[in-house]
N, C-alpha and C. Protein backbone atom coordinates (compact mmCIF):
# COMPACT_ATOMS: atom_id res chain seq x y z
N MET A 1 -8.41 40.39 15.09
CA MET A 1 -7.88 39.06 14.80
C MET A 1 -6.66 38.80 15.67
N ASN A 2 -6.65 37.68 16.35
CA ASN A 2 -5.54 37.33 17.23
C ASN A 2 -4.52 36.52 16.47
N LYS A 3 -3.46 37.17 16.05
CA LYS A 3 -2.45 36.48 15.25
C LYS A 3 -1.63 35.49 16.07
N GLY A 4 -1.68 35.64 17.39
CA GLY A 4 -0.86 34.77 18.22
C GLY A 4 -1.53 33.45 18.55
N ARG A 5 -2.81 33.29 18.20
CA ARG A 5 -3.53 32.06 18.54
C ARG A 5 -3.58 31.15 17.33
N SER A 6 -3.17 29.90 17.49
CA SER A 6 -3.15 28.95 16.37
C SER A 6 -4.54 28.38 16.15
N ASN A 7 -4.79 28.00 14.94
CA ASN A 7 -6.06 27.37 14.57
C ASN A 7 -5.84 25.86 14.55
N PRO A 8 -6.45 25.10 15.50
CA PRO A 8 -6.19 23.66 15.57
C PRO A 8 -6.64 22.91 14.33
N VAL A 9 -7.74 23.35 13.70
CA VAL A 9 -8.22 22.66 12.50
C VAL A 9 -7.23 22.85 11.36
N ARG A 10 -6.80 24.11 11.19
CA ARG A 10 -5.84 24.38 10.13
C ARG A 10 -4.52 23.66 10.40
N GLY A 11 -4.12 23.62 11.69
CA GLY A 11 -2.88 22.94 12.04
C GLY A 11 -2.92 21.47 11.69
N ARG A 12 -4.07 20.82 11.96
CA ARG A 12 -4.20 19.41 11.63
C ARG A 12 -4.16 19.19 10.12
N ARG A 13 -4.83 20.08 9.39
CA ARG A 13 -4.84 19.96 7.93
C ARG A 13 -3.42 20.13 7.37
N ASP A 14 -2.69 21.13 7.88
CA ASP A 14 -1.32 21.35 7.41
C ASP A 14 -0.45 20.14 7.68
N CYS A 15 -0.67 19.52 8.84
CA CYS A 15 0.11 18.33 9.19
C CYS A 15 -0.19 17.20 8.22
N MET A 16 -1.48 17.00 7.90
CA MET A 16 -1.86 15.94 6.97
C MET A 16 -1.25 16.19 5.60
N VAL A 17 -1.26 17.45 5.15
CA VAL A 17 -0.70 17.77 3.84
C VAL A 17 0.79 17.48 3.82
N ARG A 18 1.50 17.88 4.89
CA ARG A 18 2.95 17.68 4.92
C ARG A 18 3.29 16.20 4.90
N VAL A 19 2.58 15.40 5.68
CA VAL A 19 2.87 13.97 5.72
C VAL A 19 2.49 13.31 4.41
N ALA A 20 1.29 13.64 3.88
CA ALA A 20 0.84 13.00 2.65
C ALA A 20 1.68 13.41 1.46
N ALA A 21 2.27 14.60 1.52
CA ALA A 21 3.08 15.07 0.40
C ALA A 21 4.47 14.47 0.41
N LEU A 22 4.85 13.82 1.50
CA LEU A 22 6.15 13.16 1.52
C LEU A 22 6.19 12.08 0.47
N PRO A 23 7.33 11.83 -0.13
CA PRO A 23 7.39 10.74 -1.10
C PRO A 23 6.91 9.42 -0.53
N VAL A 24 6.98 9.24 0.78
CA VAL A 24 6.51 7.99 1.37
C VAL A 24 5.01 7.84 1.22
N ALA A 25 4.27 8.97 1.30
CA ALA A 25 2.80 8.94 1.25
C ALA A 25 2.30 7.66 1.89
N MET A 26 1.57 6.83 1.13
CA MET A 26 1.15 5.58 1.74
C MET A 26 2.10 4.47 1.37
N LEU A 27 3.07 4.76 0.53
CA LEU A 27 3.71 3.67 -0.16
C LEU A 27 5.15 3.39 0.23
N VAL A 28 6.04 4.28 -0.19
CA VAL A 28 7.44 3.99 -0.06
C VAL A 28 8.21 5.24 0.30
N LEU A 29 9.44 5.06 0.73
CA LEU A 29 10.29 6.18 1.06
C LEU A 29 11.04 6.67 -0.16
N PRO A 30 11.49 7.93 -0.15
CA PRO A 30 12.25 8.43 -1.27
C PRO A 30 13.59 7.72 -1.37
N GLN A 31 14.15 7.72 -2.55
CA GLN A 31 15.42 7.06 -2.79
C GLN A 31 16.48 7.62 -1.85
N GLY A 32 17.26 6.74 -1.27
CA GLY A 32 18.35 7.17 -0.41
C GLY A 32 17.96 7.29 1.05
N SER A 33 16.67 7.18 1.39
CA SER A 33 16.27 7.22 2.79
C SER A 33 16.13 5.78 3.29
N THR A 34 15.81 5.63 4.57
CA THR A 34 15.82 4.31 5.17
C THR A 34 14.46 3.92 5.69
N ALA A 35 13.98 2.78 5.26
CA ALA A 35 12.75 2.22 5.82
C ALA A 35 13.14 1.29 6.95
N GLN A 36 12.44 1.38 8.07
CA GLN A 36 12.67 0.46 9.17
C GLN A 36 11.66 -0.65 9.02
N THR A 37 12.12 -1.85 8.74
CA THR A 37 11.22 -2.96 8.51
C THR A 37 11.43 -4.03 9.56
N ALA A 38 10.39 -4.80 9.79
CA ALA A 38 10.48 -5.93 10.72
C ALA A 38 9.98 -7.16 10.00
N GLN A 39 10.82 -8.14 9.83
CA GLN A 39 10.44 -9.34 9.10
C GLN A 39 9.57 -10.23 9.97
N ALA A 40 8.51 -10.77 9.38
CA ALA A 40 7.63 -11.66 10.12
C ALA A 40 8.07 -13.11 9.93
N THR A 41 7.71 -13.94 10.88
CA THR A 41 7.97 -15.37 10.76
C THR A 41 6.74 -16.04 10.22
N PRO A 42 6.80 -16.64 9.00
CA PRO A 42 5.62 -17.30 8.46
C PRO A 42 5.09 -18.33 9.44
N GLY A 43 3.75 -18.38 9.56
CA GLY A 43 3.16 -19.32 10.49
C GLY A 43 3.28 -18.88 11.93
N GLY A 44 3.57 -17.59 12.14
CA GLY A 44 3.79 -17.10 13.48
C GLY A 44 2.52 -16.95 14.31
N GLY A 45 1.38 -17.29 13.76
CA GLY A 45 0.15 -17.30 14.55
C GLY A 45 -0.81 -16.18 14.22
N GLU A 46 -0.39 -15.12 13.54
CA GLU A 46 -1.31 -14.03 13.22
C GLU A 46 -2.29 -14.48 12.16
N GLN A 47 -3.56 -14.20 12.39
CA GLN A 47 -4.61 -14.61 11.47
C GLN A 47 -4.96 -13.48 10.51
N PRO A 48 -5.34 -13.81 9.28
CA PRO A 48 -5.72 -12.77 8.32
C PRO A 48 -7.01 -12.09 8.74
N PRO A 49 -7.19 -10.84 8.33
CA PRO A 49 -8.45 -10.14 8.63
C PRO A 49 -9.61 -10.82 7.90
N ASP A 50 -10.82 -10.50 8.33
CA ASP A 50 -12.01 -11.16 7.78
C ASP A 50 -12.10 -11.05 6.26
N GLU A 51 -11.77 -9.85 5.73
CA GLU A 51 -11.93 -9.67 4.28
C GLU A 51 -10.98 -10.57 3.49
N VAL A 52 -9.84 -10.89 4.08
CA VAL A 52 -8.91 -11.80 3.42
C VAL A 52 -9.36 -13.24 3.61
N ARG A 53 -9.76 -13.59 4.81
CA ARG A 53 -10.18 -14.96 5.10
C ARG A 53 -11.38 -15.37 4.27
N ARG A 54 -12.32 -14.43 4.05
CA ARG A 54 -13.50 -14.77 3.25
C ARG A 54 -13.15 -15.03 1.80
N ARG A 55 -12.19 -14.27 1.27
CA ARG A 55 -11.85 -14.40 -0.14
C ARG A 55 -10.70 -15.36 -0.38
N ARG A 56 -9.84 -15.54 0.61
CA ARG A 56 -8.68 -16.41 0.49
C ARG A 56 -8.61 -17.29 1.74
N PRO A 57 -9.46 -18.32 1.84
CA PRO A 57 -9.51 -19.13 3.06
C PRO A 57 -8.17 -19.76 3.44
N ALA A 58 -7.32 -20.02 2.44
CA ALA A 58 -6.05 -20.68 2.73
C ALA A 58 -4.90 -19.70 2.92
N ALA A 59 -5.22 -18.42 2.99
CA ALA A 59 -4.16 -17.41 3.07
C ALA A 59 -3.39 -17.51 4.38
N ARG A 60 -2.10 -17.26 4.29
CA ARG A 60 -1.22 -17.20 5.46
C ARG A 60 -0.34 -15.96 5.31
N LEU A 61 0.26 -15.58 6.42
CA LEU A 61 1.11 -14.39 6.40
C LEU A 61 2.45 -14.72 5.76
N SER A 62 2.78 -13.98 4.70
CA SER A 62 4.08 -14.14 4.06
C SER A 62 5.13 -13.33 4.80
N GLY A 63 4.81 -12.08 5.12
CA GLY A 63 5.75 -11.21 5.81
C GLY A 63 5.13 -9.86 6.07
N ARG A 64 5.81 -9.06 6.87
CA ARG A 64 5.29 -7.74 7.21
C ARG A 64 6.44 -6.77 7.38
N GLY A 65 6.13 -5.50 7.22
CA GLY A 65 7.13 -4.47 7.42
C GLY A 65 6.51 -3.23 8.01
N THR A 66 7.26 -2.52 8.82
CA THR A 66 6.83 -1.25 9.39
C THR A 66 7.62 -0.15 8.70
N LEU A 67 6.92 0.83 8.18
CA LEU A 67 7.57 1.91 7.46
C LEU A 67 7.57 3.19 8.28
N ARG A 68 8.74 3.77 8.45
CA ARG A 68 8.89 5.03 9.17
C ARG A 68 9.65 6.01 8.30
N PHE A 69 9.34 7.28 8.48
CA PHE A 69 10.06 8.34 7.77
C PHE A 69 10.39 9.44 8.76
N LEU A 70 11.68 9.70 8.93
CA LEU A 70 12.14 10.70 9.89
C LEU A 70 11.53 10.45 11.27
N GLY A 71 11.44 9.18 11.63
CA GLY A 71 10.92 8.81 12.94
C GLY A 71 9.41 8.69 12.99
N LEU A 72 8.71 9.10 11.93
CA LEU A 72 7.25 9.02 11.91
C LEU A 72 6.82 7.63 11.45
N HIS A 73 5.94 7.02 12.21
CA HIS A 73 5.37 5.72 11.84
C HIS A 73 4.27 5.98 10.82
N ILE A 74 4.48 5.53 9.58
CA ILE A 74 3.51 5.80 8.51
C ILE A 74 2.47 4.68 8.41
N TYR A 75 2.91 3.46 8.29
CA TYR A 75 1.98 2.33 8.23
C TYR A 75 2.72 1.02 8.45
N ASP A 76 1.95 -0.01 8.75
CA ASP A 76 2.44 -1.38 8.76
C ASP A 76 1.85 -2.06 7.53
N ALA A 77 2.67 -2.82 6.81
CA ALA A 77 2.20 -3.55 5.63
C ALA A 77 2.31 -5.04 5.90
N LEU A 78 1.26 -5.78 5.54
CA LEU A 78 1.25 -7.23 5.71
C LEU A 78 0.84 -7.87 4.39
N LEU A 79 1.56 -8.90 3.99
CA LEU A 79 1.26 -9.60 2.74
C LEU A 79 0.71 -10.98 3.06
N TRP A 80 -0.51 -11.25 2.57
CA TRP A 80 -1.18 -12.53 2.79
C TRP A 80 -1.21 -13.30 1.47
N VAL A 81 -0.79 -14.57 1.50
CA VAL A 81 -0.72 -15.38 0.29
C VAL A 81 -1.22 -16.79 0.57
N GLU A 82 -1.57 -17.51 -0.50
CA GLU A 82 -1.97 -18.90 -0.36
C GLU A 82 -0.79 -19.83 -0.52
N ASN A 83 0.14 -19.44 -1.36
CA ASN A 83 1.34 -20.23 -1.61
C ASN A 83 2.53 -19.28 -1.70
N ALA A 84 3.73 -19.84 -1.59
CA ALA A 84 4.93 -19.02 -1.70
C ALA A 84 4.93 -18.31 -3.05
N ILE A 85 5.34 -17.05 -3.02
CA ILE A 85 5.32 -16.23 -4.23
C ILE A 85 6.64 -16.31 -4.97
N ASP A 86 6.55 -16.48 -6.28
CA ASP A 86 7.71 -16.34 -7.15
C ASP A 86 7.90 -14.84 -7.34
N SER A 87 8.93 -14.29 -6.70
CA SER A 87 9.09 -12.83 -6.70
C SER A 87 9.26 -12.25 -8.10
N GLY A 88 9.72 -13.07 -9.04
CA GLY A 88 9.88 -12.58 -10.40
C GLY A 88 8.58 -12.57 -11.18
N ASN A 89 7.52 -13.19 -10.59
CA ASN A 89 6.23 -13.26 -11.28
C ASN A 89 5.11 -13.17 -10.24
N TYR A 90 5.18 -12.15 -9.40
CA TYR A 90 4.23 -12.00 -8.31
C TYR A 90 2.79 -11.90 -8.80
N ALA A 91 2.59 -11.33 -9.99
CA ALA A 91 1.24 -11.11 -10.49
C ALA A 91 0.55 -12.41 -10.89
N ALA A 92 1.27 -13.53 -10.88
CA ALA A 92 0.66 -14.83 -11.20
C ALA A 92 -0.03 -15.43 -9.97
N HIS A 93 0.14 -14.80 -8.81
CA HIS A 93 -0.35 -15.36 -7.56
C HIS A 93 -1.47 -14.53 -6.95
N PRO A 94 -2.53 -15.18 -6.45
CA PRO A 94 -3.54 -14.44 -5.67
C PRO A 94 -2.86 -13.91 -4.40
N LEU A 95 -3.16 -12.70 -4.03
CA LEU A 95 -2.53 -12.14 -2.84
C LEU A 95 -3.38 -11.01 -2.26
N ALA A 96 -3.08 -10.69 -1.03
CA ALA A 96 -3.75 -9.57 -0.36
C ALA A 96 -2.68 -8.76 0.36
N LEU A 97 -2.67 -7.47 0.11
CA LEU A 97 -1.73 -6.56 0.76
C LEU A 97 -2.53 -5.65 1.69
N GLU A 98 -2.28 -5.79 2.98
CA GLU A 98 -3.01 -5.03 3.99
C GLU A 98 -2.12 -3.91 4.51
N LEU A 99 -2.64 -2.69 4.51
CA LEU A 99 -1.93 -1.55 5.06
C LEU A 99 -2.68 -1.05 6.28
N ARG A 100 -1.97 -0.98 7.40
CA ARG A 100 -2.54 -0.49 8.65
C ARG A 100 -1.90 0.87 8.94
N TYR A 101 -2.69 1.90 8.80
CA TYR A 101 -2.16 3.25 8.88
C TYR A 101 -1.94 3.71 10.32
N ALA A 102 -0.90 4.50 10.50
CA ALA A 102 -0.59 5.06 11.80
C ALA A 102 -0.74 6.58 11.80
N ARG A 103 -1.04 7.17 10.63
CA ARG A 103 -1.12 8.62 10.51
C ARG A 103 -2.27 9.00 9.57
N SER A 104 -2.62 10.27 9.59
CA SER A 104 -3.66 10.79 8.71
C SER A 104 -3.05 11.14 7.35
N LEU A 105 -3.72 10.69 6.29
CA LEU A 105 -3.28 10.98 4.92
C LEU A 105 -4.51 11.24 4.05
N TYR A 106 -4.38 12.14 3.10
CA TYR A 106 -5.48 12.43 2.17
C TYR A 106 -5.52 11.39 1.06
N GLY A 107 -6.73 10.86 0.79
CA GLY A 107 -6.89 9.85 -0.24
C GLY A 107 -6.45 10.32 -1.62
N SER A 108 -6.73 11.57 -1.96
CA SER A 108 -6.36 12.08 -3.27
C SER A 108 -4.84 12.08 -3.47
N LEU A 109 -4.12 12.41 -2.39
CA LEU A 109 -2.66 12.42 -2.48
C LEU A 109 -2.10 11.00 -2.49
N ILE A 110 -2.78 10.08 -1.81
CA ILE A 110 -2.39 8.67 -1.86
C ILE A 110 -2.49 8.20 -3.31
N ALA A 111 -3.59 8.55 -3.98
CA ALA A 111 -3.79 8.13 -5.38
C ALA A 111 -2.71 8.70 -6.29
N GLU A 112 -2.42 9.98 -6.13
CA GLU A 112 -1.42 10.62 -6.99
C GLU A 112 -0.03 10.02 -6.78
N ARG A 113 0.31 9.78 -5.51
CA ARG A 113 1.61 9.19 -5.23
C ARG A 113 1.69 7.76 -5.75
N SER A 114 0.57 7.03 -5.65
CA SER A 114 0.53 5.66 -6.15
C SER A 114 0.86 5.63 -7.63
N LEU A 115 0.26 6.55 -8.39
CA LEU A 115 0.50 6.58 -9.82
C LEU A 115 1.97 6.85 -10.13
N ARG A 116 2.58 7.78 -9.40
CA ARG A 116 3.99 8.08 -9.64
C ARG A 116 4.88 6.87 -9.33
N GLU A 117 4.51 6.13 -8.30
CA GLU A 117 5.29 4.93 -7.98
C GLU A 117 5.08 3.85 -9.04
N MET A 118 3.89 3.75 -9.59
CA MET A 118 3.61 2.78 -10.64
C MET A 118 4.42 3.09 -11.89
N GLU A 119 4.72 4.36 -12.10
CA GLU A 119 5.49 4.78 -13.28
C GLU A 119 6.96 4.39 -13.19
N ARG A 120 7.40 3.94 -12.01
CA ARG A 120 8.78 3.50 -11.88
C ARG A 120 9.06 2.28 -12.76
N ALA A 121 8.02 1.50 -13.06
CA ALA A 121 8.18 0.31 -13.87
C ALA A 121 8.21 0.63 -15.36
N GLY A 122 8.01 1.89 -15.72
CA GLY A 122 8.02 2.30 -17.12
C GLY A 122 6.90 3.28 -17.42
N PRO A 123 6.99 3.97 -18.55
CA PRO A 123 5.96 4.96 -18.91
C PRO A 123 4.57 4.33 -19.01
N ILE A 124 3.57 5.12 -18.66
CA ILE A 124 2.18 4.70 -18.77
C ILE A 124 1.49 5.64 -19.76
N PRO A 125 0.82 5.12 -20.78
CA PRO A 125 0.14 5.99 -21.74
C PRO A 125 -0.81 6.96 -21.03
N ALA A 126 -0.91 8.17 -21.54
CA ALA A 126 -1.68 9.23 -20.88
C ALA A 126 -3.13 8.83 -20.61
N ILE A 127 -3.80 8.23 -21.59
CA ILE A 127 -5.20 7.86 -21.41
C ILE A 127 -5.34 6.85 -20.28
N GLN A 128 -4.44 5.87 -20.26
CA GLN A 128 -4.47 4.85 -19.21
C GLN A 128 -4.16 5.46 -17.85
N SER A 129 -3.18 6.34 -17.83
CA SER A 129 -2.79 7.01 -16.60
C SER A 129 -3.96 7.79 -16.01
N GLU A 130 -4.68 8.52 -16.84
CA GLU A 130 -5.82 9.31 -16.37
C GLU A 130 -6.93 8.41 -15.83
N ARG A 131 -7.14 7.29 -16.49
CA ARG A 131 -8.19 6.36 -16.05
C ARG A 131 -7.83 5.73 -14.71
N TRP A 132 -6.58 5.33 -14.57
CA TRP A 132 -6.14 4.72 -13.32
C TRP A 132 -6.20 5.72 -12.16
N LEU A 133 -5.78 6.95 -12.42
CA LEU A 133 -5.80 7.96 -11.37
C LEU A 133 -7.23 8.25 -10.93
N ALA A 134 -8.15 8.34 -11.88
CA ALA A 134 -9.55 8.59 -11.54
C ALA A 134 -10.10 7.45 -10.69
N PHE A 135 -9.74 6.22 -11.05
CA PHE A 135 -10.19 5.07 -10.26
C PHE A 135 -9.64 5.13 -8.84
N MET A 136 -8.35 5.39 -8.70
CA MET A 136 -7.75 5.39 -7.36
C MET A 136 -8.26 6.53 -6.50
N ARG A 137 -8.58 7.66 -7.11
CA ARG A 137 -9.16 8.76 -6.33
C ARG A 137 -10.51 8.37 -5.75
N GLU A 138 -11.24 7.53 -6.45
CA GLU A 138 -12.51 7.04 -5.93
C GLU A 138 -12.30 5.92 -4.92
N ALA A 139 -11.27 5.11 -5.14
CA ALA A 139 -11.05 3.92 -4.30
C ALA A 139 -10.43 4.23 -2.95
N PHE A 140 -9.57 5.27 -2.88
CA PHE A 140 -8.82 5.53 -1.65
C PHE A 140 -9.42 6.71 -0.89
N PRO A 141 -9.95 6.47 0.30
CA PRO A 141 -10.50 7.57 1.12
C PRO A 141 -9.38 8.23 1.91
N ASP A 142 -9.70 9.35 2.54
CA ASP A 142 -8.79 9.90 3.54
C ASP A 142 -8.68 8.87 4.66
N VAL A 143 -7.51 8.73 5.22
CA VAL A 143 -7.32 7.75 6.29
C VAL A 143 -6.73 8.43 7.52
N GLY A 144 -6.92 7.78 8.65
CA GLY A 144 -6.34 8.24 9.91
C GLY A 144 -5.72 7.06 10.63
N ALA A 145 -5.14 7.33 11.78
CA ALA A 145 -4.51 6.27 12.56
C ALA A 145 -5.54 5.18 12.88
N GLY A 146 -5.18 3.93 12.62
CA GLY A 146 -6.07 2.81 12.89
C GLY A 146 -6.86 2.34 11.68
N ASP A 147 -6.90 3.14 10.62
CA ASP A 147 -7.61 2.73 9.40
C ASP A 147 -6.80 1.69 8.63
N ARG A 148 -7.54 0.87 7.86
CA ARG A 148 -6.89 -0.17 7.06
C ARG A 148 -7.41 -0.12 5.63
N ILE A 149 -6.50 -0.28 4.69
CA ILE A 149 -6.87 -0.52 3.29
C ILE A 149 -6.23 -1.84 2.89
N THR A 150 -7.05 -2.76 2.40
CA THR A 150 -6.55 -4.05 1.95
C THR A 150 -6.77 -4.15 0.45
N GLY A 151 -5.69 -4.35 -0.28
CA GLY A 151 -5.78 -4.55 -1.72
C GLY A 151 -5.67 -6.03 -2.03
N LEU A 152 -6.64 -6.55 -2.77
CA LEU A 152 -6.65 -7.97 -3.13
C LEU A 152 -6.48 -8.12 -4.64
N TRP A 153 -5.54 -8.95 -5.03
CA TRP A 153 -5.28 -9.19 -6.44
C TRP A 153 -5.68 -10.62 -6.80
N ASN A 154 -6.53 -10.76 -7.83
CA ASN A 154 -6.97 -12.07 -8.30
C ASN A 154 -6.53 -12.23 -9.75
N PRO A 155 -5.46 -12.98 -10.01
CA PRO A 155 -4.98 -13.11 -11.39
C PRO A 155 -5.95 -13.87 -12.30
N ALA A 156 -6.82 -14.70 -11.71
CA ALA A 156 -7.75 -15.48 -12.53
C ALA A 156 -8.69 -14.60 -13.32
N ASP A 157 -9.21 -13.54 -12.68
CA ASP A 157 -10.10 -12.64 -13.42
C ASP A 157 -9.47 -11.25 -13.59
N GLU A 158 -8.18 -11.14 -13.23
CA GLU A 158 -7.40 -9.91 -13.45
C GLU A 158 -8.02 -8.71 -12.75
N THR A 159 -8.53 -8.94 -11.54
CA THR A 159 -9.22 -7.88 -10.80
C THR A 159 -8.45 -7.46 -9.55
N SER A 160 -8.36 -6.17 -9.35
CA SER A 160 -7.84 -5.59 -8.12
C SER A 160 -9.04 -5.06 -7.34
N GLU A 161 -9.16 -5.49 -6.10
CA GLU A 161 -10.28 -5.06 -5.25
C GLU A 161 -9.71 -4.40 -4.01
N PHE A 162 -10.35 -3.33 -3.55
CA PHE A 162 -9.89 -2.62 -2.37
C PHE A 162 -10.98 -2.64 -1.30
N VAL A 163 -10.58 -3.04 -0.11
CA VAL A 163 -11.49 -3.14 1.03
C VAL A 163 -11.04 -2.13 2.07
N ILE A 164 -11.97 -1.31 2.55
CA ILE A 164 -11.66 -0.23 3.49
C ILE A 164 -12.22 -0.59 4.86
N ASN A 165 -11.32 -0.78 5.82
CA ASN A 165 -11.75 -1.14 7.18
C ASN A 165 -12.75 -2.29 7.18
N GLY A 166 -12.47 -3.28 6.35
CA GLY A 166 -13.30 -4.48 6.31
C GLY A 166 -14.51 -4.38 5.42
N LYS A 167 -14.79 -3.22 4.85
CA LYS A 167 -15.96 -3.04 4.00
C LYS A 167 -15.56 -2.99 2.53
N ALA A 168 -16.30 -3.72 1.70
CA ALA A 168 -15.99 -3.79 0.27
C ALA A 168 -16.00 -2.40 -0.35
N GLY A 169 -15.00 -2.13 -1.19
CA GLY A 169 -14.90 -0.85 -1.86
C GLY A 169 -14.88 -1.01 -3.37
N LYS A 170 -14.02 -0.27 -4.02
CA LYS A 170 -13.96 -0.27 -5.47
C LYS A 170 -13.12 -1.45 -5.99
N ALA A 171 -13.42 -1.84 -7.23
CA ALA A 171 -12.66 -2.91 -7.89
C ALA A 171 -12.44 -2.52 -9.34
N LEU A 172 -11.35 -3.01 -9.90
CA LEU A 172 -11.02 -2.71 -11.30
C LEU A 172 -10.48 -3.97 -11.96
N ARG A 173 -11.09 -4.32 -13.08
CA ARG A 173 -10.62 -5.48 -13.84
C ARG A 173 -9.67 -5.00 -14.92
N ASP A 174 -8.40 -5.11 -14.64
CA ASP A 174 -7.37 -4.58 -15.54
C ASP A 174 -6.03 -5.18 -15.10
N ARG A 175 -5.54 -6.14 -15.87
CA ARG A 175 -4.32 -6.82 -15.46
C ARG A 175 -3.13 -5.87 -15.37
N ALA A 176 -3.02 -4.96 -16.30
CA ALA A 176 -1.89 -4.03 -16.29
C ALA A 176 -1.90 -3.19 -15.02
N PHE A 177 -3.09 -2.77 -14.60
CA PHE A 177 -3.19 -2.00 -13.37
C PHE A 177 -2.73 -2.83 -12.18
N GLY A 178 -3.22 -4.06 -12.08
CA GLY A 178 -2.85 -4.91 -10.96
C GLY A 178 -1.36 -5.16 -10.89
N GLU A 179 -0.75 -5.41 -12.03
CA GLU A 179 0.69 -5.66 -12.05
C GLU A 179 1.45 -4.42 -11.58
N ARG A 180 1.04 -3.27 -12.05
CA ARG A 180 1.74 -2.03 -11.68
C ARG A 180 1.48 -1.66 -10.22
N PHE A 181 0.24 -1.77 -9.78
CA PHE A 181 -0.08 -1.33 -8.43
C PHE A 181 0.62 -2.19 -7.38
N PHE A 182 0.46 -3.48 -7.45
CA PHE A 182 1.09 -4.34 -6.45
C PHE A 182 2.60 -4.41 -6.64
N GLY A 183 3.04 -4.05 -7.84
CA GLY A 183 4.48 -3.95 -8.09
C GLY A 183 5.13 -2.82 -7.32
N ILE A 184 4.34 -1.86 -6.83
CA ILE A 184 4.89 -0.79 -6.00
C ILE A 184 5.66 -1.40 -4.84
N TRP A 185 5.13 -2.49 -4.30
CA TRP A 185 5.78 -3.17 -3.17
C TRP A 185 6.57 -4.40 -3.58
N LEU A 186 6.06 -5.12 -4.59
CA LEU A 186 6.61 -6.45 -4.86
C LEU A 186 7.45 -6.53 -6.13
N GLY A 187 7.42 -5.51 -6.96
CA GLY A 187 8.16 -5.54 -8.22
C GLY A 187 9.63 -5.20 -8.06
N ASN A 188 10.41 -5.58 -9.06
CA ASN A 188 11.84 -5.29 -9.04
C ASN A 188 12.13 -3.79 -9.05
N SER A 189 11.18 -3.01 -9.55
CA SER A 189 11.40 -1.56 -9.66
C SER A 189 11.00 -0.81 -8.39
N THR A 190 10.60 -1.52 -7.35
CA THR A 190 10.19 -0.84 -6.12
C THR A 190 11.29 0.09 -5.62
N SER A 191 10.89 1.20 -5.04
CA SER A 191 11.87 2.13 -4.47
C SER A 191 12.23 1.72 -3.04
N GLU A 192 11.61 0.66 -2.53
CA GLU A 192 11.92 0.17 -1.19
C GLU A 192 12.21 -1.34 -1.20
N PRO A 193 13.37 -1.74 -1.64
CA PRO A 193 13.69 -3.17 -1.69
C PRO A 193 13.69 -3.85 -0.33
N ALA A 194 14.03 -3.12 0.74
CA ALA A 194 14.03 -3.73 2.07
C ALA A 194 12.62 -4.11 2.50
N LEU A 195 11.65 -3.25 2.19
CA LEU A 195 10.26 -3.55 2.51
C LEU A 195 9.78 -4.73 1.67
N ARG A 196 10.19 -4.77 0.43
CA ARG A 196 9.83 -5.90 -0.44
C ARG A 196 10.32 -7.21 0.14
N GLN A 197 11.56 -7.23 0.58
CA GLN A 197 12.13 -8.44 1.16
C GLN A 197 11.36 -8.86 2.41
N ALA A 198 10.99 -7.88 3.23
CA ALA A 198 10.26 -8.20 4.46
C ALA A 198 8.89 -8.80 4.13
N LEU A 199 8.19 -8.22 3.14
CA LEU A 199 6.88 -8.73 2.78
C LEU A 199 6.95 -10.13 2.20
N LEU A 200 8.01 -10.41 1.49
CA LEU A 200 8.19 -11.74 0.91
C LEU A 200 8.70 -12.74 1.93
N GLY A 201 8.95 -12.28 3.18
CA GLY A 201 9.38 -13.17 4.23
C GLY A 201 10.83 -13.59 4.10
N ARG A 202 11.64 -12.72 3.52
CA ARG A 202 13.04 -13.06 3.28
C ARG A 202 13.95 -12.14 4.08
N LYS A 203 15.09 -12.66 4.40
CA LYS A 203 16.09 -11.86 5.10
C LYS A 203 16.75 -10.91 4.14
N ALA A 204 17.02 -9.72 4.61
CA ALA A 204 17.72 -8.74 3.77
C ALA A 204 19.12 -9.25 3.48
N PRO A 205 19.63 -9.01 2.24
CA PRO A 205 20.97 -9.49 1.91
C PRO A 205 22.02 -8.78 2.72
């Protein structure tokens, strides 16, 4: 056995685990760290992806942010809306949150981190927590650079739908889930207020 020769497959897996295990995972940075965000100009000309345009013909770009951790580009987030969002009641508005990944992350770890971020808004009963985690493990695949996950929230039927690289994926009809999940980015309890401001198209205070 040649101990001096590295295994490229194992090296790639270790890298994915280290990045996915960061508190940022797919979502947010740990408290006290800095997200680098870039605010978008509404009406700046960027068109929504097909999955958003088909479901939300009137959608426009509200704002976008680029998230980095220790210099690593994790993802770009874009928020598509039909009308201006009341930030205190974001769940009352149809919206689409598009994540454009720049790195490889494991879907199972994305799901687990998502649940922990959802818990920032308050405790989640164990039965509900287990059901949500099981759903997200099915909904979120492993991703690599260039992959996209778009989450669409429809308050009319209380459904969260996830589209993977333009292809329809899993959906869950559960208002509490939708409020908690999209609240990771848009709720007052978000661990990344700068990213929230960028997505809402507002200047940081």
